[in-house]
Amino acid sequence: SPKRYREKEKRKPKTILGAVKKMASEVITTYVGLGSNLYNPIEQLNRALTALTSLPTTCVVQASSFYQSEALIEDAQNTELKLPDYVNAVAELITQLSPLSLLDNLQQIETNQGRIRDPHKRWQSRSLDLDILLYANKEVIHDRLHIPHYDLTNRNFVLIPLLEIAPELKLPNGSYIKTYLNSCRSGKIRKLA
């Protein structure tokens, strides 16, 4: 369960954070969104959080609670297209990995957990989806990666868990993330126990 994971993280010695910070002059705080709606989504997220702790020169600082939300679909008026609900969370990491190296590592975790990418289908069920939401206060525009995440401010299933662990977080443009929550267009969401 989410609580069990957070309890394990709280028991980790603080020396891990200190060790990562000593590795190099630039240690980056980054936020990663996690989502799953296939093959026991709660277990998928717990496995992903564990896998994140194994990334090179990276440490998981904290993770949000888990939230259940309706799946986004391309055509909201197509009532026949009903995908299973998602379970979502956000993790705060500190890392020395570059944005693209972090992306490569996250995609390897997705693949290891059964993610199959279909370049022709954007809206599909996923065993695991890991998205870099923010990478310090940097903006990254690359054909493989956009940071901040291109739809971060429009998704309550990202904003709510992100604000749970970082309530005063700002975008690189200086605006507070919490200001976007009321205008968010995504559907129903509920915190899981």
N, C-alpha and C. Protein backbone atom coordinates (compact mmCIF):
# COMPACT_ATOMS: atom_id res chain seq x y z
N SER A 1 0.84 -1.19 0.00
CA SER A 1 0.00 0.00 0.00
C SER A 1 0.88 1.25 0.00
N PRO A 2 0.32 2.40 -0.36
CA PRO A 2 1.11 3.63 -0.38
C PRO A 2 1.70 3.96 0.98
N LYS A 3 0.94 3.75 2.06
CA LYS A 3 1.43 4.09 3.38
C LYS A 3 2.66 3.25 3.72
N ARG A 4 2.59 1.96 3.39
CA ARG A 4 3.71 1.08 3.70
C ARG A 4 4.98 1.56 3.01
N TYR A 5 4.87 1.98 1.76
CA TYR A 5 6.05 2.47 1.04
C TYR A 5 6.59 3.72 1.72
N ARG A 6 5.70 4.66 2.04
CA ARG A 6 6.16 5.91 2.66
C ARG A 6 6.82 5.63 4.01
N GLU A 7 6.26 4.66 4.75
CA GLU A 7 6.87 4.34 6.04
C GLU A 7 8.27 3.80 5.85
N LYS A 8 8.48 2.95 4.84
CA LYS A 8 9.81 2.44 4.56
C LYS A 8 10.76 3.58 4.23
N GLU A 9 10.27 4.52 3.42
CA GLU A 9 11.11 5.64 3.02
C GLU A 9 11.50 6.49 4.22
N LYS A 10 10.58 6.67 5.16
CA LYS A 10 10.88 7.49 6.34
C LYS A 10 11.95 6.83 7.19
N ARG A 11 12.03 5.49 7.16
CA ARG A 11 13.02 4.79 7.97
C ARG A 11 14.41 4.81 7.34
N LYS A 12 14.51 5.20 6.08
CA LYS A 12 15.82 5.24 5.43
C LYS A 12 16.70 6.26 6.13
N PRO A 13 17.94 5.94 6.34
CA PRO A 13 18.81 6.91 7.00
C PRO A 13 19.01 8.15 6.13
N LYS A 14 19.06 9.30 6.77
CA LYS A 14 19.23 10.55 6.05
C LYS A 14 20.60 10.64 5.39
N THR A 15 21.51 9.76 5.75
CA THR A 15 22.84 9.80 5.15
C THR A 15 22.79 9.50 3.66
N ILE A 16 21.76 8.81 3.18
CA ILE A 16 21.63 8.55 1.74
C ILE A 16 21.51 9.88 1.00
N LEU A 17 20.66 10.76 1.49
CA LEU A 17 20.51 12.07 0.86
C LEU A 17 21.84 12.82 0.89
N GLY A 18 22.51 12.79 2.02
CA GLY A 18 23.79 13.46 2.13
C GLY A 18 24.82 12.88 1.18
N ALA A 19 24.81 11.56 1.02
CA ALA A 19 25.78 10.90 0.13
C ALA A 19 25.55 11.32 -1.31
N VAL A 20 24.29 11.38 -1.74
CA VAL A 20 24.00 11.79 -3.12
C VAL A 20 24.39 13.24 -3.32
N LYS A 21 24.12 14.09 -2.34
CA LYS A 21 24.46 15.50 -2.47
C LYS A 21 25.96 15.73 -2.57
N LYS A 22 26.75 14.85 -1.96
CA LYS A 22 28.20 15.00 -2.00
C LYS A 22 28.80 14.52 -3.32
N MET A 23 28.04 13.81 -4.15
CA MET A 23 28.59 13.21 -5.36
C MET A 23 29.05 14.23 -6.39
N ALA A 24 28.38 15.34 -6.47
CA ALA A 24 28.76 16.34 -7.48
C ALA A 24 28.20 17.67 -7.07
N SER A 25 28.66 18.68 -7.78
CA SER A 25 28.23 20.02 -7.44
C SER A 25 26.77 20.27 -7.82
N GLU A 26 26.29 19.63 -8.90
CA GLU A 26 24.91 19.88 -9.29
C GLU A 26 24.04 18.66 -9.07
N VAL A 27 23.26 18.73 -8.02
CA VAL A 27 22.27 17.72 -7.73
C VAL A 27 20.92 18.37 -7.99
N ILE A 28 20.11 17.73 -8.79
CA ILE A 28 18.85 18.30 -9.25
C ILE A 28 17.68 17.66 -8.50
N THR A 29 16.73 18.49 -8.10
CA THR A 29 15.46 17.98 -7.60
C THR A 29 14.52 17.86 -8.79
N THR A 30 13.93 16.69 -8.94
CA THR A 30 13.02 16.45 -10.05
C THR A 30 11.77 15.75 -9.52
N TYR A 31 10.68 15.91 -10.23
CA TYR A 31 9.42 15.29 -9.85
C TYR A 31 8.96 14.39 -10.99
N VAL A 32 8.59 13.16 -10.64
CA VAL A 32 8.19 12.17 -11.62
C VAL A 32 6.75 11.75 -11.33
N GLY A 33 5.91 11.81 -12.35
CA GLY A 33 4.54 11.32 -12.24
C GLY A 33 4.49 9.84 -12.55
N LEU A 34 3.72 9.11 -11.78
CA LEU A 34 3.55 7.66 -11.97
C LEU A 34 2.08 7.38 -12.23
N GLY A 35 1.78 6.50 -13.17
CA GLY A 35 0.41 6.12 -13.45
C GLY A 35 0.33 4.71 -13.99
N SER A 36 -0.77 4.03 -13.67
CA SER A 36 -1.01 2.68 -14.17
C SER A 36 -2.50 2.40 -14.14
N ASN A 37 -2.97 1.66 -15.16
CA ASN A 37 -4.35 1.19 -15.12
C ASN A 37 -4.47 -0.26 -15.60
N LEU A 38 -3.36 -1.00 -15.58
CA LEU A 38 -3.36 -2.41 -15.96
C LEU A 38 -2.56 -3.24 -14.95
N TYR A 39 -2.95 -4.53 -14.86
CA TYR A 39 -2.15 -5.52 -14.12
C TYR A 39 -1.88 -5.09 -12.69
N ASN A 40 -2.93 -4.82 -11.94
CA ASN A 40 -2.83 -4.42 -10.54
C ASN A 40 -2.06 -3.10 -10.40
N PRO A 41 -2.72 -1.99 -10.72
CA PRO A 41 -2.05 -0.68 -10.74
C PRO A 41 -1.33 -0.30 -9.44
N ILE A 42 -1.90 -0.64 -8.30
CA ILE A 42 -1.24 -0.29 -7.03
C ILE A 42 0.09 -1.02 -6.93
N GLU A 43 0.10 -2.29 -7.28
CA GLU A 43 1.35 -3.06 -7.26
C GLU A 43 2.34 -2.51 -8.29
N GLN A 44 1.84 -2.10 -9.45
CA GLN A 44 2.72 -1.52 -10.48
C GLN A 44 3.41 -0.26 -9.93
N LEU A 45 2.66 0.61 -9.24
CA LEU A 45 3.26 1.83 -8.71
C LEU A 45 4.24 1.52 -7.58
N ASN A 46 3.91 0.58 -6.72
CA ASN A 46 4.85 0.20 -5.67
C ASN A 46 6.14 -0.37 -6.25
N ARG A 47 6.02 -1.20 -7.27
CA ARG A 47 7.22 -1.76 -7.93
C ARG A 47 8.04 -0.64 -8.58
N ALA A 48 7.34 0.32 -9.20
CA ALA A 48 8.05 1.44 -9.85
C ALA A 48 8.78 2.30 -8.82
N LEU A 49 8.15 2.56 -7.69
CA LEU A 49 8.81 3.34 -6.64
C LEU A 49 10.06 2.62 -6.13
N THR A 50 9.97 1.32 -6.00
CA THR A 50 11.15 0.55 -5.59
C THR A 50 12.23 0.63 -6.67
N ALA A 51 11.84 0.51 -7.93
CA ALA A 51 12.80 0.59 -9.04
C ALA A 51 13.48 1.96 -9.09
N LEU A 52 12.74 3.02 -8.76
CA LEU A 52 13.33 4.36 -8.76
C LEU A 52 14.47 4.46 -7.76
N THR A 53 14.39 3.71 -6.66
CA THR A 53 15.46 3.76 -5.66
C THR A 53 16.76 3.15 -6.18
N SER A 54 16.68 2.41 -7.29
CA SER A 54 17.88 1.76 -7.85
C SER A 54 18.52 2.57 -8.98
N LEU A 55 17.96 3.71 -9.33
CA LEU A 55 18.55 4.50 -10.41
C LEU A 55 19.92 5.02 -9.99
N PRO A 56 20.85 5.09 -10.93
CA PRO A 56 22.19 5.58 -10.58
C PRO A 56 22.15 7.05 -10.16
N THR A 57 22.98 7.40 -9.21
CA THR A 57 23.15 8.76 -8.67
C THR A 57 21.81 9.46 -8.44
N THR A 58 20.86 8.70 -7.90
CA THR A 58 19.50 9.21 -7.69
C THR A 58 18.98 8.68 -6.37
N CYS A 59 18.19 9.48 -5.70
CA CYS A 59 17.57 9.07 -4.45
C CYS A 59 16.10 9.51 -4.45
N VAL A 60 15.22 8.63 -4.01
CA VAL A 60 13.81 8.99 -3.83
C VAL A 60 13.70 9.72 -2.50
N VAL A 61 13.26 10.96 -2.55
CA VAL A 61 13.11 11.76 -1.34
C VAL A 61 11.78 11.46 -0.66
N GLN A 62 10.70 11.47 -1.46
CA GLN A 62 9.37 11.20 -0.92
C GLN A 62 8.44 10.86 -2.07
N ALA A 63 7.31 10.25 -1.71
CA ALA A 63 6.27 9.93 -2.69
C ALA A 63 4.92 10.33 -2.11
N SER A 64 4.04 10.74 -2.99
CA SER A 64 2.69 11.13 -2.56
C SER A 64 1.86 9.90 -2.24
N SER A 65 0.67 10.16 -1.75
CA SER A 65 -0.34 9.10 -1.64
C SER A 65 -0.70 8.65 -3.04
N PHE A 66 -1.45 7.56 -3.13
CA PHE A 66 -1.95 7.09 -4.42
C PHE A 66 -3.36 7.64 -4.61
N TYR A 67 -3.67 7.97 -5.86
CA TYR A 67 -4.97 8.53 -6.21
C TYR A 67 -5.56 7.75 -7.38
N GLN A 68 -6.86 7.53 -7.33
CA GLN A 68 -7.56 6.87 -8.43
C GLN A 68 -8.27 7.92 -9.25
N SER A 69 -8.13 7.82 -10.58
CA SER A 69 -8.77 8.80 -11.46
C SER A 69 -9.28 8.11 -12.72
N GLU A 70 -10.25 8.74 -13.35
CA GLU A 70 -10.76 8.23 -14.61
C GLU A 70 -9.69 8.35 -15.68
N ALA A 71 -9.66 7.40 -16.59
CA ALA A 71 -8.70 7.45 -17.69
C ALA A 71 -9.09 8.57 -18.65
N LEU A 72 -8.09 9.28 -19.14
CA LEU A 72 -8.33 10.27 -20.19
C LEU A 72 -8.53 9.53 -21.50
N ILE A 73 -9.49 10.00 -22.28
CA ILE A 73 -9.68 9.42 -23.61
C ILE A 73 -9.68 10.54 -24.63
N GLU A 74 -9.29 10.21 -25.84
CA GLU A 74 -9.16 11.21 -26.90
C GLU A 74 -10.50 11.86 -27.24
N ASP A 75 -11.55 11.05 -27.28
CA ASP A 75 -12.87 11.54 -27.66
C ASP A 75 -13.80 11.35 -26.46
N ALA A 76 -13.94 12.39 -25.66
CA ALA A 76 -14.73 12.30 -24.43
C ALA A 76 -16.20 11.99 -24.69
N GLN A 77 -16.69 12.20 -25.92
CA GLN A 77 -18.08 11.93 -26.23
C GLN A 77 -18.31 10.49 -26.68
N ASN A 78 -17.25 9.74 -26.87
CA ASN A 78 -17.37 8.34 -27.27
C ASN A 78 -17.54 7.50 -26.01
N THR A 79 -18.80 7.25 -25.63
CA THR A 79 -19.07 6.54 -24.39
C THR A 79 -18.72 5.05 -24.49
N GLU A 80 -18.53 4.53 -25.70
CA GLU A 80 -18.15 3.13 -25.86
C GLU A 80 -16.69 2.91 -25.50
N LEU A 81 -15.89 3.95 -25.51
CA LEU A 81 -14.47 3.84 -25.24
C LEU A 81 -14.24 4.07 -23.75
N LYS A 82 -14.38 3.02 -22.97
CA LYS A 82 -14.20 3.12 -21.52
C LYS A 82 -12.95 2.36 -21.13
N LEU A 83 -11.96 3.09 -20.64
CA LEU A 83 -10.71 2.48 -20.19
C LEU A 83 -10.76 2.32 -18.67
N PRO A 84 -10.02 1.35 -18.12
CA PRO A 84 -9.98 1.20 -16.66
C PRO A 84 -9.43 2.46 -15.99
N ASP A 85 -9.88 2.70 -14.76
CA ASP A 85 -9.37 3.84 -14.00
C ASP A 85 -7.87 3.70 -13.77
N TYR A 86 -7.21 4.84 -13.61
CA TYR A 86 -5.79 4.89 -13.32
C TYR A 86 -5.55 5.03 -11.83
N VAL A 87 -4.40 4.58 -11.39
CA VAL A 87 -3.87 4.92 -10.08
C VAL A 87 -2.64 5.77 -10.36
N ASN A 88 -2.56 6.93 -9.69
CA ASN A 88 -1.49 7.90 -9.94
C ASN A 88 -0.81 8.31 -8.65
N ALA A 89 0.42 8.77 -8.79
CA ALA A 89 1.20 9.31 -7.67
C ALA A 89 2.29 10.18 -8.26
N VAL A 90 3.00 10.88 -7.39
CA VAL A 90 4.16 11.68 -7.79
C VAL A 90 5.28 11.38 -6.80
N ALA A 91 6.49 11.25 -7.34
CA ALA A 91 7.68 11.04 -6.50
C ALA A 91 8.64 12.20 -6.69
N GLU A 92 9.23 12.63 -5.59
CA GLU A 92 10.30 13.64 -5.63
C GLU A 92 11.62 12.90 -5.57
N LEU A 93 12.50 13.20 -6.51
CA LEU A 93 13.83 12.59 -6.56
C LEU A 93 14.88 13.67 -6.50
N ILE A 94 16.07 13.30 -6.03
CA ILE A 94 17.24 14.12 -6.28
C ILE A 94 18.16 13.26 -7.13
N THR A 95 18.76 13.88 -8.14
CA THR A 95 19.53 13.11 -9.11
C THR A 95 20.66 13.92 -9.70
N GLN A 96 21.62 13.21 -10.22
CA GLN A 96 22.68 13.80 -11.03
C GLN A 96 22.50 13.42 -12.50
N LEU A 97 21.49 12.64 -12.80
CA LEU A 97 21.25 12.25 -14.18
C LEU A 97 20.77 13.45 -14.99
N SER A 98 21.19 13.52 -16.24
CA SER A 98 20.67 14.55 -17.15
C SER A 98 19.21 14.23 -17.44
N PRO A 99 18.45 15.19 -17.96
CA PRO A 99 17.04 14.91 -18.27
C PRO A 99 16.87 13.72 -19.22
N LEU A 100 17.68 13.64 -20.28
CA LEU A 100 17.53 12.53 -21.23
C LEU A 100 17.98 11.21 -20.63
N SER A 101 19.00 11.22 -19.81
CA SER A 101 19.43 9.99 -19.15
C SER A 101 18.37 9.53 -18.16
N LEU A 102 17.78 10.46 -17.44
CA LEU A 102 16.68 10.11 -16.54
C LEU A 102 15.52 9.52 -17.34
N LEU A 103 15.17 10.14 -18.46
CA LEU A 103 14.10 9.63 -19.32
C LEU A 103 14.42 8.20 -19.76
N ASP A 104 15.63 7.95 -20.22
CA ASP A 104 16.01 6.60 -20.65
C ASP A 104 15.82 5.59 -19.52
N ASN A 105 16.24 5.96 -18.32
CA ASN A 105 16.09 5.07 -17.17
C ASN A 105 14.63 4.83 -16.82
N LEU A 106 13.81 5.88 -16.89
CA LEU A 106 12.39 5.72 -16.60
C LEU A 106 11.72 4.83 -17.64
N GLN A 107 12.08 5.00 -18.91
CA GLN A 107 11.49 4.16 -19.95
C GLN A 107 11.92 2.70 -19.81
N GLN A 108 13.11 2.47 -19.29
CA GLN A 108 13.55 1.09 -19.03
C GLN A 108 12.72 0.46 -17.92
N ILE A 109 12.42 1.24 -16.88
CA ILE A 109 11.54 0.74 -15.80
C ILE A 109 10.17 0.40 -16.38
N GLU A 110 9.62 1.29 -17.22
CA GLU A 110 8.32 1.02 -17.85
C GLU A 110 8.36 -0.29 -18.64
N THR A 111 9.40 -0.46 -19.44
CA THR A 111 9.54 -1.68 -20.25
C THR A 111 9.65 -2.91 -19.36
N ASN A 112 10.43 -2.81 -18.29
CA ASN A 112 10.58 -3.93 -17.37
C ASN A 112 9.27 -4.33 -16.71
N GLN A 113 8.35 -3.39 -16.63
CA GLN A 113 7.05 -3.66 -16.02
C GLN A 113 5.95 -3.87 -17.06
N GLY A 114 6.34 -4.20 -18.28
CA GLY A 114 5.36 -4.63 -19.27
C GLY A 114 4.78 -3.54 -20.15
N ARG A 115 5.32 -2.35 -20.11
CA ARG A 115 4.80 -1.27 -20.96
C ARG A 115 5.11 -1.56 -22.42
N ILE A 116 4.08 -1.49 -23.24
CA ILE A 116 4.24 -1.65 -24.69
C ILE A 116 3.82 -0.33 -25.32
N ARG A 117 4.73 0.25 -26.09
CA ARG A 117 4.46 1.54 -26.73
C ARG A 117 3.93 1.34 -28.13
N ASP A 118 2.80 1.97 -28.41
CA ASP A 118 2.26 1.99 -29.76
C ASP A 118 2.30 3.44 -30.22
N PRO A 119 3.22 3.79 -31.12
CA PRO A 119 3.36 5.19 -31.54
C PRO A 119 2.11 5.76 -32.22
N HIS A 120 1.20 4.89 -32.62
CA HIS A 120 -0.02 5.34 -33.30
C HIS A 120 -1.18 5.57 -32.33
N LYS A 121 -1.00 5.19 -31.07
CA LYS A 121 -2.07 5.34 -30.07
C LYS A 121 -1.55 6.14 -28.90
N ARG A 122 -2.03 7.36 -28.78
CA ARG A 122 -1.64 8.18 -27.63
C ARG A 122 -2.46 7.81 -26.40
N TRP A 123 -3.74 7.59 -26.58
CA TRP A 123 -4.66 7.32 -25.48
C TRP A 123 -4.85 5.81 -25.38
N GLN A 124 -4.11 5.19 -24.49
CA GLN A 124 -4.21 3.75 -24.33
C GLN A 124 -3.94 3.37 -22.88
N SER A 125 -4.42 2.21 -22.50
CA SER A 125 -4.13 1.70 -21.17
C SER A 125 -2.65 1.39 -21.07
N ARG A 126 -2.14 1.49 -19.84
CA ARG A 126 -0.70 1.30 -19.63
C ARG A 126 -0.45 0.53 -18.34
N SER A 127 0.49 -0.40 -18.43
CA SER A 127 0.92 -1.08 -17.20
C SER A 127 1.65 -0.08 -16.30
N LEU A 128 2.39 0.84 -16.94
CA LEU A 128 3.11 1.86 -16.18
C LEU A 128 3.45 3.03 -17.08
N ASP A 129 3.25 4.21 -16.55
CA ASP A 129 3.63 5.44 -17.24
C ASP A 129 4.41 6.29 -16.25
N LEU A 130 5.65 6.63 -16.61
CA LEU A 130 6.50 7.48 -15.77
C LEU A 130 6.84 8.73 -16.56
N ASP A 131 6.46 9.88 -16.05
CA ASP A 131 6.69 11.15 -16.73
C ASP A 131 7.53 12.09 -15.87
N ILE A 132 8.54 12.69 -16.48
CA ILE A 132 9.29 13.75 -15.79
C ILE A 132 8.40 15.00 -15.84
N LEU A 133 7.97 15.45 -14.69
CA LEU A 133 7.09 16.62 -14.62
C LEU A 133 7.90 17.90 -14.57
N LEU A 134 8.88 17.94 -13.67
CA LEU A 134 9.74 19.10 -13.49
C LEU A 134 11.16 18.61 -13.25
N TYR A 135 12.12 19.41 -13.67
CA TYR A 135 13.53 19.09 -13.49
C TYR A 135 14.19 20.38 -13.03
N ALA A 136 14.30 20.52 -11.69
CA ALA A 136 14.73 21.78 -11.07
C ALA A 136 13.83 22.89 -11.62
N ASN A 137 14.43 24.03 -11.96
CA ASN A 137 13.63 25.10 -12.56
C ASN A 137 13.97 25.24 -14.04
N LYS A 138 14.37 24.13 -14.65
CA LYS A 138 14.81 24.16 -16.03
C LYS A 138 13.67 23.87 -17.00
N GLU A 139 13.79 24.46 -18.17
CA GLU A 139 12.90 24.14 -19.29
C GLU A 139 13.70 23.34 -20.30
N VAL A 140 13.12 22.23 -20.76
CA VAL A 140 13.77 21.38 -21.74
C VAL A 140 12.81 21.17 -22.90
N ILE A 141 13.26 21.51 -24.09
CA ILE A 141 12.49 21.26 -25.30
C ILE A 141 13.35 20.37 -26.19
N HIS A 142 12.90 19.14 -26.34
CA HIS A 142 13.62 18.14 -27.14
C HIS A 142 12.57 17.28 -27.82
N ASP A 143 12.90 16.69 -28.96
CA ASP A 143 11.87 15.89 -29.63
C ASP A 143 11.43 14.68 -28.80
N ARG A 144 12.21 14.26 -27.81
CA ARG A 144 11.82 13.15 -26.94
C ARG A 144 11.24 13.60 -25.61
N LEU A 145 11.38 14.88 -25.27
CA LEU A 145 11.08 15.29 -23.91
C LEU A 145 10.78 16.77 -23.83
N HIS A 146 9.69 17.10 -23.14
CA HIS A 146 9.36 18.50 -22.83
C HIS A 146 9.24 18.63 -21.31
N ILE A 147 10.00 19.54 -20.74
CA ILE A 147 9.93 19.84 -19.31
C ILE A 147 9.77 21.34 -19.16
N PRO A 148 8.79 21.80 -18.36
CA PRO A 148 7.80 21.04 -17.63
C PRO A 148 6.95 20.18 -18.58
N HIS A 149 6.39 19.12 -18.02
CA HIS A 149 5.53 18.24 -18.80
C HIS A 149 4.47 19.08 -19.49
N TYR A 150 4.23 18.79 -20.75
CA TYR A 150 3.38 19.66 -21.59
C TYR A 150 1.97 19.86 -21.05
N ASP A 151 1.41 18.91 -20.29
CA ASP A 151 0.03 19.03 -19.83
C ASP A 151 -0.07 19.03 -18.30
N LEU A 152 1.02 19.32 -17.66
CA LEU A 152 1.08 19.30 -16.20
C LEU A 152 -0.02 20.13 -15.55
N THR A 153 -0.24 21.32 -16.02
CA THR A 153 -1.17 22.24 -15.35
C THR A 153 -2.64 21.94 -15.66
N ASN A 154 -2.91 20.96 -16.50
CA ASN A 154 -4.29 20.61 -16.87
C ASN A 154 -4.76 19.29 -16.30
N ARG A 155 -3.96 18.67 -15.47
CA ARG A 155 -4.29 17.33 -14.99
C ARG A 155 -4.32 17.28 -13.47
N ASN A 156 -5.52 17.15 -12.92
CA ASN A 156 -5.64 17.11 -11.46
C ASN A 156 -4.98 15.86 -10.87
N PHE A 157 -4.92 14.77 -11.64
CA PHE A 157 -4.28 13.56 -11.15
C PHE A 157 -2.76 13.69 -11.08
N VAL A 158 -2.22 14.78 -11.61
CA VAL A 158 -0.81 15.12 -11.44
C VAL A 158 -0.68 16.23 -10.39
N LEU A 159 -1.50 17.27 -10.52
CA LEU A 159 -1.40 18.42 -9.63
C LEU A 159 -1.66 18.06 -8.16
N ILE A 160 -2.69 17.28 -7.89
CA ILE A 160 -3.05 16.99 -6.50
C ILE A 160 -1.94 16.21 -5.79
N PRO A 161 -1.43 15.10 -6.36
CA PRO A 161 -0.32 14.44 -5.65
C PRO A 161 0.96 15.28 -5.61
N LEU A 162 1.20 16.07 -6.63
CA LEU A 162 2.38 16.93 -6.64
C LEU A 162 2.29 17.97 -5.52
N LEU A 163 1.13 18.59 -5.39
CA LEU A 163 0.95 19.59 -4.34
C LEU A 163 0.94 18.97 -2.94
N GLU A 164 0.57 17.70 -2.84
CA GLU A 164 0.61 17.02 -1.55
C GLU A 164 2.05 16.99 -1.01
N ILE A 165 3.02 16.76 -1.89
CA ILE A 165 4.41 16.64 -1.41
C ILE A 165 5.22 17.93 -1.57
N ALA A 166 4.71 18.87 -2.37
CA ALA A 166 5.44 20.14 -2.58
C ALA A 166 4.44 21.27 -2.77
N PRO A 167 3.76 21.69 -1.70
CA PRO A 167 2.67 22.65 -1.82
C PRO A 167 3.07 24.04 -2.32
N GLU A 168 4.32 24.41 -2.18
CA GLU A 168 4.76 25.75 -2.60
C GLU A 168 5.60 25.71 -3.88
N LEU A 169 5.52 24.63 -4.61
CA LEU A 169 6.32 24.45 -5.82
C LEU A 169 5.93 25.43 -6.91
N LYS A 170 6.95 25.90 -7.63
CA LYS A 170 6.72 26.85 -8.74
C LYS A 170 7.19 26.24 -10.05
N LEU A 171 6.58 26.68 -11.13
CA LEU A 171 7.04 26.36 -12.48
C LEU A 171 8.27 27.21 -12.79
N PRO A 172 9.04 26.84 -13.81
CA PRO A 172 10.20 27.66 -14.18
C PRO A 172 9.86 29.12 -14.48
N ASN A 173 8.62 29.39 -14.89
CA ASN A 173 8.22 30.78 -15.17
C ASN A 173 7.89 31.57 -13.90
N GLY A 174 8.00 30.91 -12.73
CA GLY A 174 7.77 31.60 -11.47
C GLY A 174 6.36 31.48 -10.92
N SER A 175 5.43 30.92 -11.68
CA SER A 175 4.05 30.81 -11.18
C SER A 175 3.91 29.60 -10.27
N TYR A 176 3.12 29.76 -9.23
CA TYR A 176 2.87 28.67 -8.29
C TYR A 176 1.99 27.62 -8.95
N ILE A 177 2.34 26.38 -8.77
CA ILE A 177 1.57 25.28 -9.37
C ILE A 177 0.15 25.24 -8.80
N LYS A 178 -0.01 25.58 -7.53
CA LYS A 178 -1.33 25.49 -6.90
C LYS A 178 -2.35 26.41 -7.57
N THR A 179 -1.90 27.43 -8.27
CA THR A 179 -2.84 28.35 -8.93
C THR A 179 -3.56 27.70 -10.10
N TYR A 180 -3.06 26.58 -10.59
CA TYR A 180 -3.67 25.91 -11.75
C TYR A 180 -4.74 24.89 -11.37
N LEU A 181 -4.83 24.54 -10.11
CA LEU A 181 -5.71 23.46 -9.70
C LEU A 181 -7.18 23.76 -9.98
N ASN A 182 -7.64 24.97 -9.70
CA ASN A 182 -9.06 25.29 -9.89
C ASN A 182 -9.48 25.31 -11.35
N SER A 183 -8.56 25.57 -12.26
CA SER A 183 -8.93 25.61 -13.69
C SER A 183 -8.61 24.30 -14.40
N CYS A 184 -8.25 23.29 -13.65
CA CYS A 184 -7.86 21.99 -14.21
C CYS A 184 -9.08 21.32 -14.84
N ARG A 185 -8.88 20.73 -16.03
CA ARG A 185 -10.02 20.18 -16.77
C ARG A 185 -10.21 18.67 -16.65
N SER A 186 -9.33 17.96 -15.96
CA SER A 186 -9.47 16.51 -15.93
C SER A 186 -10.57 16.08 -14.95
N GLY A 187 -10.94 14.79 -14.99
CA GLY A 187 -12.12 14.27 -14.30
C GLY A 187 -11.97 14.02 -12.83
N LYS A 188 -12.83 13.11 -12.35
CA LYS A 188 -12.91 12.80 -10.92
C LYS A 188 -11.64 12.12 -10.44
N ILE A 189 -11.34 12.39 -9.17
CA ILE A 189 -10.16 11.80 -8.55
C ILE A 189 -10.46 11.54 -7.09
N ARG A 190 -9.91 10.43 -6.56
CA ARG A 190 -10.09 10.17 -5.13
C ARG A 190 -8.81 9.58 -4.56
N LYS A 191 -8.52 9.99 -3.34
CA LYS A 191 -7.33 9.50 -2.63
C LYS A 191 -7.61 8.09 -2.16
N LEU A 192 -6.66 7.19 -2.37
CA LEU A 192 -6.81 5.83 -1.91
C LEU A 192 -6.27 5.71 -0.49
N ALA A 193 -6.90 4.85 0.30
CA ALA A 193 -6.49 4.69 1.71
C ALA A 193 -5.13 4.05 1.85
